[in-house]
Amino acid sequence: MNALIDGPDGHPRCRWCATAPEFLAYHDTEWGFPVKDDRRLFEKICLEGFQSGLSWRTILAKRENFRAAFHGFDFEKIARFTARDVERLLQDPGIVRHRGKIEAVIHNAARAQELVALHGSLASFFWRHEPDAAQLGEPQTASTSEASIALSKALKKLGWKFVGPTTVYAFMQAMGLINDHATGCVVRAKAAHARSRFKSPAR
């Protein structure tokens, strides 16, 4: 199947961005652009965990609600959440009310604190797993990779939850650790330019 579709401006884009109205802006301005802000990285790994078994459209539609419920994904604050916070979140209709996933965010917040103590930042740790371009296949033809499997194993070894290889691969796509915009997508070159100017915190 053709991976491209013409956007509203007539330029080709990844076909998936036309499957929901809210995807276009996300595709054009966020997905695949490199991120080194620890809060945004933590937010995304958490939201990918919430997406497990659901659609990204469901999560994206609730993203602002998630941000409000989890204090902007400030993992220093989330790590102090208690059982009372879990019960509060389970009553919040604006988010996905899944006890295991909510508890995993709180658990992972403490693991994030530990990771920062060890490596200086989440960004420096995550970006150490940026794959070499030679490792990458044709865009959007895989749901895991050697790099996502390695990062998943590393996170699990550190005690993180809901970080399987597929979840981690989606995280890497979105946070710009790889440029998985389809060949010919008008945004692929923009993401590549942003990556070329990006100073990796792992270096």
N, C-alpha and C. Protein backbone atom coordinates (compact mmCIF):
# COMPACT_ATOMS: atom_id res chain seq x y z
N MET A 1 0.84 -1.19 0.00
CA MET A 1 0.00 0.00 0.00
C MET A 1 0.87 1.25 0.00
N ASN A 2 0.47 2.24 -0.74
CA ASN A 2 1.20 3.50 -0.78
C ASN A 2 1.22 4.13 0.61
N ALA A 3 2.41 4.49 1.08
CA ALA A 3 2.56 5.05 2.42
C ALA A 3 2.24 6.53 2.47
N LEU A 4 1.95 7.13 1.30
CA LEU A 4 1.72 8.57 1.22
C LEU A 4 0.29 8.92 0.85
N ILE A 5 -0.08 10.12 1.24
CA ILE A 5 -1.37 10.69 0.84
C ILE A 5 -1.18 12.19 0.71
N ASP A 6 -1.89 12.81 -0.20
CA ASP A 6 -1.77 14.26 -0.35
C ASP A 6 -2.45 14.97 0.82
N GLY A 7 -1.71 15.93 1.42
CA GLY A 7 -2.26 16.72 2.51
C GLY A 7 -3.16 17.82 1.99
N PRO A 8 -3.76 18.59 2.89
CA PRO A 8 -4.68 19.67 2.48
C PRO A 8 -3.99 20.75 1.65
N ASP A 9 -2.66 20.84 1.74
CA ASP A 9 -1.91 21.82 0.95
C ASP A 9 -1.39 21.23 -0.35
N GLY A 10 -1.75 19.96 -0.62
CA GLY A 10 -1.32 19.31 -1.85
C GLY A 10 0.01 18.59 -1.75
N HIS A 11 0.72 18.74 -0.62
CA HIS A 11 2.01 18.08 -0.45
C HIS A 11 1.81 16.68 0.15
N PRO A 12 2.64 15.73 -0.28
CA PRO A 12 2.48 14.37 0.23
C PRO A 12 2.90 14.24 1.69
N ARG A 13 2.18 13.42 2.40
CA ARG A 13 2.46 13.17 3.81
C ARG A 13 2.25 11.68 4.11
N CYS A 14 2.73 11.26 5.27
CA CYS A 14 2.48 9.89 5.72
C CYS A 14 0.97 9.64 5.75
N ARG A 15 0.57 8.52 5.19
CA ARG A 15 -0.85 8.22 5.06
C ARG A 15 -1.57 8.23 6.41
N TRP A 16 -0.90 7.80 7.47
CA TRP A 16 -1.60 7.69 8.76
C TRP A 16 -2.11 9.03 9.28
N CYS A 17 -1.49 10.14 8.85
CA CYS A 17 -1.90 11.43 9.43
C CYS A 17 -3.25 11.89 8.91
N ALA A 18 -3.80 11.20 7.91
CA ALA A 18 -5.12 11.56 7.38
C ALA A 18 -6.24 10.72 8.00
N THR A 19 -5.89 9.83 8.92
CA THR A 19 -6.91 8.93 9.48
C THR A 19 -7.72 9.56 10.61
N ALA A 20 -7.28 10.72 11.10
CA ALA A 20 -8.03 11.45 12.13
C ALA A 20 -7.68 12.93 12.01
N PRO A 21 -8.64 13.84 12.18
CA PRO A 21 -8.37 15.27 11.99
C PRO A 21 -7.24 15.80 12.86
N GLU A 22 -7.13 15.30 14.09
CA GLU A 22 -6.11 15.81 15.01
C GLU A 22 -4.71 15.31 14.72
N PHE A 23 -4.59 14.34 13.79
CA PHE A 23 -3.27 13.78 13.50
C PHE A 23 -2.40 14.70 12.64
N LEU A 24 -3.01 15.54 11.83
CA LEU A 24 -2.22 16.34 10.88
C LEU A 24 -1.23 17.25 11.60
N ALA A 25 -1.69 18.03 12.55
CA ALA A 25 -0.80 18.94 13.28
C ALA A 25 0.25 18.17 14.06
N TYR A 26 -0.17 17.05 14.66
CA TYR A 26 0.77 16.21 15.41
C TYR A 26 1.87 15.68 14.49
N HIS A 27 1.47 15.21 13.33
CA HIS A 27 2.41 14.69 12.34
C HIS A 27 3.36 15.78 11.85
N ASP A 28 2.82 16.96 11.58
CA ASP A 28 3.61 18.03 10.96
C ASP A 28 4.55 18.74 11.93
N THR A 29 4.21 18.77 13.21
CA THR A 29 4.98 19.60 14.14
C THR A 29 5.65 18.84 15.28
N GLU A 30 5.27 17.59 15.50
CA GLU A 30 5.83 16.85 16.64
C GLU A 30 6.50 15.54 16.25
N TRP A 31 5.77 14.70 15.56
CA TRP A 31 6.20 13.32 15.34
C TRP A 31 7.49 13.27 14.54
N GLY A 32 8.51 12.67 15.11
CA GLY A 32 9.78 12.50 14.41
C GLY A 32 10.77 13.61 14.63
N PHE A 33 10.38 14.67 15.34
CA PHE A 33 11.31 15.76 15.61
C PHE A 33 12.02 15.49 16.94
N PRO A 34 13.34 15.68 16.99
CA PRO A 34 14.11 15.27 18.17
C PRO A 34 13.77 16.06 19.43
N VAL A 35 13.68 15.33 20.53
CA VAL A 35 13.31 15.91 21.83
C VAL A 35 14.36 15.53 22.86
N LYS A 36 14.78 16.50 23.66
CA LYS A 36 15.70 16.19 24.77
C LYS A 36 15.19 16.71 26.11
N ASP A 37 13.97 17.23 26.13
CA ASP A 37 13.36 17.68 27.38
C ASP A 37 12.88 16.47 28.18
N ASP A 38 13.37 16.34 29.41
CA ASP A 38 13.07 15.15 30.19
C ASP A 38 11.58 14.97 30.46
N ARG A 39 10.87 16.05 30.69
CA ARG A 39 9.43 15.92 30.96
C ARG A 39 8.70 15.40 29.74
N ARG A 40 9.04 15.93 28.58
CA ARG A 40 8.38 15.46 27.35
C ARG A 40 8.72 14.00 27.07
N LEU A 41 9.94 13.61 27.34
CA LEU A 41 10.33 12.22 27.14
C LEU A 41 9.57 11.31 28.10
N PHE A 42 9.48 11.74 29.35
CA PHE A 42 8.76 10.92 30.33
C PHE A 42 7.28 10.86 29.98
N GLU A 43 6.72 12.00 29.59
CA GLU A 43 5.32 12.02 29.17
C GLU A 43 5.06 11.01 28.06
N LYS A 44 5.91 11.03 27.06
CA LYS A 44 5.66 10.18 25.89
C LYS A 44 5.78 8.71 26.22
N ILE A 45 6.78 8.34 27.01
CA ILE A 45 6.93 6.93 27.35
C ILE A 45 5.72 6.46 28.17
N CYS A 46 5.19 7.37 29.00
CA CYS A 46 3.99 7.03 29.78
C CYS A 46 2.76 6.91 28.90
N LEU A 47 2.58 7.87 27.98
CA LEU A 47 1.42 7.84 27.11
C LEU A 47 1.45 6.64 26.17
N GLU A 48 2.64 6.25 25.74
CA GLU A 48 2.74 5.05 24.91
C GLU A 48 2.33 3.83 25.72
N GLY A 49 2.65 3.83 27.01
CA GLY A 49 2.20 2.74 27.87
C GLY A 49 0.69 2.71 28.00
N PHE A 50 0.08 3.90 28.15
CA PHE A 50 -1.37 3.97 28.21
C PHE A 50 -2.00 3.52 26.89
N GLN A 51 -1.31 3.73 25.79
CA GLN A 51 -1.88 3.36 24.49
C GLN A 51 -1.96 1.86 24.29
N SER A 52 -1.18 1.11 25.02
CA SER A 52 -1.14 -0.34 24.84
C SER A 52 -2.56 -0.92 24.82
N GLY A 53 -2.91 -1.54 23.70
CA GLY A 53 -4.24 -2.11 23.53
C GLY A 53 -5.29 -1.12 23.06
N LEU A 54 -4.90 0.15 22.90
CA LEU A 54 -5.81 1.19 22.46
C LEU A 54 -5.24 1.86 21.21
N SER A 55 -5.89 2.93 20.75
CA SER A 55 -5.39 3.67 19.60
C SER A 55 -4.72 4.94 20.06
N TRP A 56 -3.76 5.43 19.25
CA TRP A 56 -3.12 6.70 19.59
C TRP A 56 -4.12 7.84 19.55
N ARG A 57 -5.13 7.73 18.70
CA ARG A 57 -6.15 8.79 18.64
C ARG A 57 -6.82 8.96 20.00
N THR A 58 -7.12 7.85 20.66
CA THR A 58 -7.74 7.91 21.98
C THR A 58 -6.85 8.65 22.96
N ILE A 59 -5.56 8.34 22.94
CA ILE A 59 -4.63 8.96 23.88
C ILE A 59 -4.39 10.43 23.54
N LEU A 60 -4.20 10.73 22.26
CA LEU A 60 -3.94 12.11 21.85
C LEU A 60 -5.13 13.01 22.22
N ALA A 61 -6.34 12.50 22.06
CA ALA A 61 -7.53 13.28 22.40
C ALA A 61 -7.60 13.61 23.89
N LYS A 62 -6.99 12.76 24.70
CA LYS A 62 -7.01 12.94 26.15
C LYS A 62 -5.70 13.52 26.70
N ARG A 63 -4.78 13.89 25.82
CA ARG A 63 -3.43 14.26 26.28
C ARG A 63 -3.44 15.41 27.28
N GLU A 64 -4.23 16.45 27.01
CA GLU A 64 -4.27 17.57 27.95
C GLU A 64 -4.83 17.14 29.29
N ASN A 65 -5.78 16.23 29.27
CA ASN A 65 -6.33 15.71 30.53
C ASN A 65 -5.27 14.92 31.29
N PHE A 66 -4.50 14.12 30.57
CA PHE A 66 -3.41 13.39 31.20
C PHE A 66 -2.40 14.36 31.83
N ARG A 67 -2.08 15.42 31.10
CA ARG A 67 -1.11 16.39 31.61
C ARG A 67 -1.61 17.04 32.89
N ALA A 68 -2.90 17.36 32.92
CA ALA A 68 -3.46 17.96 34.13
C ALA A 68 -3.46 16.96 35.29
N ALA A 69 -3.83 15.74 35.00
CA ALA A 69 -3.93 14.71 36.04
C ALA A 69 -2.58 14.33 36.63
N PHE A 70 -1.53 14.39 35.79
CA PHE A 70 -0.19 13.97 36.22
C PHE A 70 0.78 15.14 36.35
N HIS A 71 0.25 16.32 36.68
CA HIS A 71 1.11 17.49 36.96
C HIS A 71 2.13 17.75 35.86
N GLY A 72 1.66 17.73 34.62
CA GLY A 72 2.56 18.01 33.51
C GLY A 72 3.65 16.97 33.34
N PHE A 73 3.42 15.79 33.87
CA PHE A 73 4.38 14.68 33.82
C PHE A 73 5.72 15.06 34.46
N ASP A 74 5.62 15.84 35.54
CA ASP A 74 6.79 16.13 36.37
C ASP A 74 7.05 14.90 37.23
N PHE A 75 8.04 14.11 36.85
CA PHE A 75 8.21 12.82 37.54
C PHE A 75 8.67 12.99 38.99
N GLU A 76 9.24 14.14 39.33
CA GLU A 76 9.59 14.38 40.74
C GLU A 76 8.32 14.44 41.59
N LYS A 77 7.28 15.06 41.07
CA LYS A 77 6.00 15.14 41.79
C LYS A 77 5.26 13.81 41.74
N ILE A 78 5.26 13.18 40.58
CA ILE A 78 4.51 11.92 40.43
C ILE A 78 5.08 10.83 41.34
N ALA A 79 6.38 10.83 41.54
CA ALA A 79 7.01 9.81 42.39
C ALA A 79 6.50 9.88 43.83
N ARG A 80 5.92 11.02 44.21
CA ARG A 80 5.39 11.18 45.57
C ARG A 80 3.90 10.83 45.65
N PHE A 81 3.30 10.41 44.54
CA PHE A 81 1.89 10.02 44.56
C PHE A 81 1.69 8.84 45.51
N THR A 82 0.52 8.80 46.11
CA THR A 82 0.18 7.74 47.06
C THR A 82 -1.02 6.95 46.54
N ALA A 83 -1.44 5.98 47.34
CA ALA A 83 -2.62 5.17 46.98
C ALA A 83 -3.85 6.06 46.82
N ARG A 84 -3.89 7.17 47.56
CA ARG A 84 -5.02 8.09 47.43
C ARG A 84 -5.03 8.72 46.04
N ASP A 85 -3.85 9.02 45.52
CA ASP A 85 -3.76 9.59 44.17
C ASP A 85 -4.22 8.58 43.13
N VAL A 86 -3.87 7.33 43.33
CA VAL A 86 -4.31 6.28 42.41
C VAL A 86 -5.83 6.24 42.37
N GLU A 87 -6.46 6.27 43.53
CA GLU A 87 -7.93 6.23 43.58
C GLU A 87 -8.52 7.48 42.94
N ARG A 88 -7.89 8.63 43.15
CA ARG A 88 -8.35 9.87 42.51
C ARG A 88 -8.29 9.74 41.00
N LEU A 89 -7.20 9.21 40.48
CA LEU A 89 -7.03 9.07 39.04
C LEU A 89 -8.00 8.05 38.45
N LEU A 90 -8.32 7.03 39.21
CA LEU A 90 -9.28 6.02 38.74
C LEU A 90 -10.69 6.60 38.62
N GLN A 91 -10.93 7.74 39.24
CA GLN A 91 -12.23 8.40 39.14
C GLN A 91 -12.24 9.52 38.11
N ASP A 92 -11.12 9.73 37.43
CA ASP A 92 -10.99 10.84 36.47
C ASP A 92 -11.44 10.38 35.09
N PRO A 93 -12.60 10.85 34.61
CA PRO A 93 -13.11 10.40 33.30
C PRO A 93 -12.33 10.95 32.12
N GLY A 94 -11.43 11.90 32.38
CA GLY A 94 -10.67 12.51 31.29
C GLY A 94 -9.46 11.72 30.84
N ILE A 95 -9.11 10.66 31.60
CA ILE A 95 -7.96 9.85 31.25
C ILE A 95 -8.39 8.39 31.06
N VAL A 96 -7.43 7.54 30.74
CA VAL A 96 -7.70 6.10 30.67
C VAL A 96 -7.59 5.55 32.09
N ARG A 97 -8.70 5.05 32.60
CA ARG A 97 -8.74 4.62 34.00
C ARG A 97 -8.40 3.13 34.11
N HIS A 98 -7.13 2.87 34.01
CA HIS A 98 -6.60 1.51 34.07
C HIS A 98 -5.62 1.47 35.24
N ARG A 99 -5.96 0.74 36.28
CA ARG A 99 -5.15 0.76 37.50
C ARG A 99 -3.68 0.39 37.24
N GLY A 100 -3.48 -0.65 36.47
CA GLY A 100 -2.11 -1.10 36.22
C GLY A 100 -1.28 -0.04 35.52
N LYS A 101 -1.88 0.64 34.56
CA LYS A 101 -1.14 1.67 33.81
C LYS A 101 -0.90 2.91 34.67
N ILE A 102 -1.88 3.28 35.48
CA ILE A 102 -1.71 4.42 36.38
C ILE A 102 -0.61 4.13 37.39
N GLU A 103 -0.65 2.95 37.98
CA GLU A 103 0.38 2.58 38.95
C GLU A 103 1.75 2.48 38.30
N ALA A 104 1.79 2.09 37.02
CA ALA A 104 3.07 2.01 36.32
C ALA A 104 3.70 3.38 36.13
N VAL A 105 2.86 4.40 35.86
CA VAL A 105 3.39 5.76 35.72
C VAL A 105 4.05 6.21 37.01
N ILE A 106 3.38 5.96 38.14
CA ILE A 106 3.93 6.35 39.44
C ILE A 106 5.22 5.57 39.72
N HIS A 107 5.18 4.29 39.47
CA HIS A 107 6.37 3.44 39.64
C HIS A 107 7.51 3.93 38.75
N ASN A 108 7.20 4.21 37.48
CA ASN A 108 8.25 4.64 36.55
C ASN A 108 8.80 6.03 36.89
N ALA A 109 8.00 6.85 37.55
CA ALA A 109 8.49 8.16 37.98
C ALA A 109 9.65 7.99 38.96
N ALA A 110 9.50 7.05 39.87
CA ALA A 110 10.60 6.78 40.81
C ALA A 110 11.81 6.20 40.08
N ARG A 111 11.56 5.36 39.08
CA ARG A 111 12.66 4.81 38.29
C ARG A 111 13.34 5.93 37.48
N ALA A 112 12.56 6.90 37.04
CA ALA A 112 13.12 8.03 36.30
C ALA A 112 14.06 8.84 37.20
N GLN A 113 13.65 9.04 38.44
CA GLN A 113 14.52 9.74 39.39
C GLN A 113 15.85 9.00 39.54
N GLU A 114 15.77 7.68 39.66
CA GLU A 114 16.98 6.86 39.80
C GLU A 114 17.85 6.95 38.55
N LEU A 115 17.21 6.93 37.39
CA LEU A 115 17.95 7.00 36.14
C LEU A 115 18.67 8.34 36.00
N VAL A 116 18.00 9.43 36.39
CA VAL A 116 18.62 10.75 36.34
C VAL A 116 19.82 10.80 37.28
N ALA A 117 19.69 10.19 38.45
CA ALA A 117 20.81 10.17 39.40
C ALA A 117 22.01 9.42 38.83
N LEU A 118 21.72 8.41 38.02
CA LEU A 118 22.80 7.60 37.43
C LEU A 118 23.40 8.23 36.18
N HIS A 119 22.55 8.83 35.34
CA HIS A 119 22.99 9.26 34.01
C HIS A 119 22.89 10.76 33.76
N GLY A 120 22.41 11.51 34.72
CA GLY A 120 22.35 12.96 34.57
C GLY A 120 21.03 13.47 34.03
N SER A 121 20.42 12.72 33.14
CA SER A 121 19.12 13.09 32.58
C SER A 121 18.53 11.88 31.88
N LEU A 122 17.21 11.92 31.69
CA LEU A 122 16.58 10.87 30.89
C LEU A 122 17.07 10.96 29.45
N ALA A 123 17.24 12.21 28.98
CA ALA A 123 17.63 12.42 27.59
C ALA A 123 18.97 11.76 27.27
N SER A 124 19.94 11.92 28.16
CA SER A 124 21.25 11.34 27.87
C SER A 124 21.17 9.82 27.80
N PHE A 125 20.31 9.22 28.63
CA PHE A 125 20.15 7.77 28.60
C PHE A 125 19.43 7.32 27.33
N PHE A 126 18.28 7.95 27.04
CA PHE A 126 17.51 7.53 25.87
C PHE A 126 18.30 7.72 24.58
N TRP A 127 18.98 8.85 24.45
CA TRP A 127 19.67 9.14 23.20
C TRP A 127 20.92 8.28 23.00
N ARG A 128 21.37 7.61 24.02
CA ARG A 128 22.45 6.62 23.83
C ARG A 128 21.97 5.44 22.99
N HIS A 129 20.66 5.31 22.90
CA HIS A 129 20.09 4.20 22.14
C HIS A 129 19.63 4.63 20.75
N GLU A 130 20.03 5.81 20.32
CA GLU A 130 19.73 6.23 18.95
C GLU A 130 20.43 5.28 17.99
N PRO A 131 19.71 4.64 17.08
CA PRO A 131 20.34 3.67 16.18
C PRO A 131 21.14 4.36 15.09
N ASP A 132 22.16 3.67 14.62
CA ASP A 132 22.89 4.13 13.45
C ASP A 132 21.98 4.03 12.23
N ALA A 133 22.10 4.99 11.34
CA ALA A 133 21.24 5.01 10.15
C ALA A 133 21.32 3.70 9.37
N ALA A 134 22.48 3.06 9.39
CA ALA A 134 22.67 1.81 8.65
C ALA A 134 21.81 0.68 9.21
N GLN A 135 21.36 0.83 10.46
CA GLN A 135 20.52 -0.20 11.09
C GLN A 135 19.06 -0.11 10.66
N LEU A 136 18.70 1.02 10.09
CA LEU A 136 17.30 1.28 9.81
C LEU A 136 16.87 0.75 8.45
N GLY A 137 15.68 0.20 8.41
CA GLY A 137 15.14 -0.27 7.14
C GLY A 137 14.29 0.81 6.51
N GLU A 138 13.44 0.41 5.57
CA GLU A 138 12.53 1.34 4.92
C GLU A 138 11.56 1.91 5.96
N PRO A 139 11.29 3.21 5.93
CA PRO A 139 10.39 3.81 6.93
C PRO A 139 9.04 3.11 7.02
N GLN A 140 8.54 3.03 8.24
CA GLN A 140 7.20 2.52 8.56
C GLN A 140 6.95 1.10 8.08
N THR A 141 7.98 0.29 8.11
CA THR A 141 7.81 -1.11 7.73
C THR A 141 8.03 -2.05 8.92
N ALA A 142 8.31 -1.48 10.09
CA ALA A 142 8.58 -2.30 11.27
C ALA A 142 7.85 -1.74 12.48
N SER A 143 7.63 -2.60 13.47
CA SER A 143 7.02 -2.14 14.72
C SER A 143 7.99 -2.30 15.89
N THR A 144 9.14 -2.92 15.61
CA THR A 144 10.23 -3.00 16.59
C THR A 144 11.54 -2.90 15.82
N SER A 145 12.63 -2.79 16.54
CA SER A 145 13.95 -2.75 15.91
C SER A 145 14.97 -3.25 16.92
N GLU A 146 16.20 -3.47 16.46
CA GLU A 146 17.25 -3.88 17.38
C GLU A 146 17.41 -2.84 18.49
N ALA A 147 17.33 -1.56 18.10
CA ALA A 147 17.51 -0.49 19.08
C ALA A 147 16.37 -0.45 20.09
N SER A 148 15.13 -0.64 19.61
CA SER A 148 14.00 -0.59 20.55
C SER A 148 14.02 -1.80 21.48
N ILE A 149 14.45 -2.93 20.98
CA ILE A 149 14.57 -4.13 21.82
C ILE A 149 15.63 -3.91 22.89
N ALA A 150 16.75 -3.30 22.49
CA ALA A 150 17.84 -3.04 23.44
C ALA A 150 17.41 -2.03 24.50
N LEU A 151 16.73 -0.97 24.08
CA LEU A 151 16.29 0.05 25.04
C LEU A 151 15.23 -0.53 25.97
N SER A 152 14.32 -1.33 25.43
CA SER A 152 13.31 -1.98 26.25
C SER A 152 13.96 -2.85 27.32
N LYS A 153 14.93 -3.64 26.93
CA LYS A 153 15.63 -4.51 27.89
C LYS A 153 16.34 -3.69 28.95
N ALA A 154 16.97 -2.58 28.52
CA ALA A 154 17.69 -1.73 29.47
C ALA A 154 16.74 -1.11 30.49
N LEU A 155 15.58 -0.65 30.02
CA LEU A 155 14.60 -0.06 30.93
C LEU A 155 14.03 -1.10 31.88
N LYS A 156 13.72 -2.27 31.36
CA LYS A 156 13.18 -3.33 32.21
C LYS A 156 14.19 -3.76 33.27
N LYS A 157 15.46 -3.77 32.90
CA LYS A 157 16.51 -4.12 33.85
C LYS A 157 16.56 -3.11 34.99
N LEU A 158 16.20 -1.85 34.67
CA LEU A 158 16.17 -0.80 35.67
C LEU A 158 14.84 -0.74 36.41
N GLY A 159 13.95 -1.67 36.08
CA GLY A 159 12.69 -1.79 36.82
C GLY A 159 11.49 -1.10 36.22
N TRP A 160 11.63 -0.52 35.01
CA TRP A 160 10.50 0.17 34.38
C TRP A 160 9.43 -0.83 33.94
N LYS A 161 8.18 -0.35 33.91
CA LYS A 161 7.05 -1.18 33.48
C LYS A 161 6.37 -0.59 32.25
N PHE A 162 5.66 -1.43 31.51
CA PHE A 162 4.96 -1.05 30.27
C PHE A 162 5.93 -0.42 29.26
N VAL A 163 7.07 -1.06 29.10
CA VAL A 163 8.09 -0.56 28.16
C VAL A 163 8.56 -1.70 27.25
N GLY A 164 7.61 -2.41 26.64
CA GLY A 164 7.96 -3.46 25.70
C GLY A 164 8.57 -2.89 24.43
N PRO A 165 9.18 -3.72 23.60
CA PRO A 165 9.87 -3.25 22.39
C PRO A 165 8.98 -2.46 21.42
N THR A 166 7.71 -2.85 21.28
CA THR A 166 6.81 -2.12 20.38
C THR A 166 6.48 -0.74 20.95
N THR A 167 6.20 -0.68 22.24
CA THR A 167 5.95 0.60 22.91
C THR A 167 7.16 1.51 22.78
N VAL A 168 8.34 0.96 23.00
CA VAL A 168 9.57 1.74 22.94
C VAL A 168 9.85 2.19 21.50
N TYR A 169 9.54 1.34 20.52
CA TYR A 169 9.75 1.74 19.13
C TYR A 169 8.87 2.93 18.76
N ALA A 170 7.61 2.90 19.19
CA ALA A 170 6.70 4.03 18.93
C ALA A 170 7.22 5.29 19.61
N PHE A 171 7.76 5.14 20.81
CA PHE A 171 8.37 6.26 21.53
C PHE A 171 9.55 6.83 20.73
N MET A 172 10.39 5.95 20.21
CA MET A 172 11.57 6.40 19.44
C MET A 172 11.16 7.11 18.16
N GLN A 173 10.14 6.60 17.50
CA GLN A 173 9.61 7.27 16.30
C GLN A 173 9.15 8.68 16.63
N ALA A 174 8.34 8.80 17.68
CA ALA A 174 7.72 10.07 18.01
C ALA A 174 8.71 11.10 18.51
N MET A 175 9.70 10.66 19.29
CA MET A 175 10.65 11.58 19.91
C MET A 175 11.87 11.88 19.04
N GLY A 176 11.86 11.37 17.81
CA GLY A 176 12.90 11.72 16.85
C GLY A 176 14.20 10.96 16.98
N LEU A 177 14.22 9.89 17.76
CA LEU A 177 15.43 9.08 17.81
C LEU A 177 15.66 8.38 16.47
N ILE A 178 14.56 8.24 15.72
CA ILE A 178 14.65 7.83 14.33
C ILE A 178 13.73 8.74 13.52
N ASN A 179 14.00 8.88 12.26
CA ASN A 179 13.11 9.63 11.36
C ASN A 179 12.35 8.61 10.54
N ASP A 180 11.13 8.31 10.96
CA ASP A 180 10.36 7.27 10.30
C ASP A 180 9.25 7.83 9.43
N HIS A 181 9.35 9.12 9.10
CA HIS A 181 8.42 9.67 8.10
C HIS A 181 8.65 8.93 6.78
N ALA A 182 7.59 8.65 6.08
CA ALA A 182 7.68 7.90 4.84
C ALA A 182 8.55 8.63 3.82
N THR A 183 9.24 7.86 3.01
CA THR A 183 10.02 8.44 1.92
C THR A 183 9.08 9.22 0.99
N GLY A 184 9.38 10.48 0.78
CA GLY A 184 8.53 11.33 -0.03
C GLY A 184 7.62 12.23 0.78
N CYS A 185 7.46 11.95 2.08
CA CYS A 185 6.65 12.81 2.94
C CYS A 185 7.31 14.17 3.05
N VAL A 186 6.55 15.24 2.91
CA VAL A 186 7.09 16.59 2.94
C VAL A 186 7.74 16.91 4.29
N VAL A 187 7.31 16.22 5.34
CA VAL A 187 7.85 16.51 6.68
C VAL A 187 9.14 15.72 6.94
N ARG A 188 9.40 14.68 6.15
CA ARG A 188 10.61 13.88 6.38
C ARG A 188 11.87 14.75 6.32
N ALA A 189 11.95 15.63 5.32
CA ALA A 189 13.12 16.50 5.17
C ALA A 189 13.22 17.49 6.33
N LYS A 190 12.07 17.97 6.81
CA LYS A 190 12.06 18.90 7.93
C LYS A 190 12.56 18.21 9.21
N ALA A 191 12.11 16.98 9.41
CA ALA A 191 12.57 16.23 10.57
C ALA A 191 14.06 15.92 10.46
N ALA A 192 14.51 15.59 9.25
CA ALA A 192 15.93 15.31 9.03
C ALA A 192 16.77 16.55 9.31
N HIS A 193 16.28 17.71 8.89
CA HIS A 193 17.00 18.96 9.15
C HIS A 193 17.08 19.24 10.65
N ALA A 194 15.97 19.02 11.34
CA ALA A 194 15.96 19.22 12.79
C ALA A 194 16.94 18.27 13.48
N ARG A 195 16.99 17.04 13.01
CA ARG A 195 17.92 16.06 13.58
C ARG A 195 19.37 16.45 13.30
N SER A 196 19.62 17.02 12.13
CA SER A 196 21.00 17.40 11.79
C SER A 196 21.51 18.56 12.66
N ARG A 197 20.58 19.38 13.14
CA ARG A 197 20.94 20.52 13.99
C ARG A 197 20.87 20.18 15.48
N PHE A 198 20.38 19.02 15.77
CA PHE A 198 20.16 18.61 17.15
C PHE A 198 21.46 18.15 17.80
N LYS A 199 21.75 18.67 18.97
CA LYS A 199 22.93 18.25 19.72
C LYS A 199 22.51 17.15 20.69
N SER A 200 22.89 15.95 20.36
CA SER A 200 22.46 14.81 21.19
C SER A 200 23.04 14.94 22.59
N PRO A 201 22.20 14.79 23.62
CA PRO A 201 22.69 14.85 24.99
C PRO A 201 23.53 13.63 25.37
N ALA A 202 23.56 12.63 24.49
CA ALA A 202 24.37 11.44 24.77
C ALA A 202 25.82 11.63 24.37
N ARG A 203 26.11 12.71 23.63
CA ARG A 203 27.49 12.90 23.15
C ARG A 203 28.28 13.79 24.09
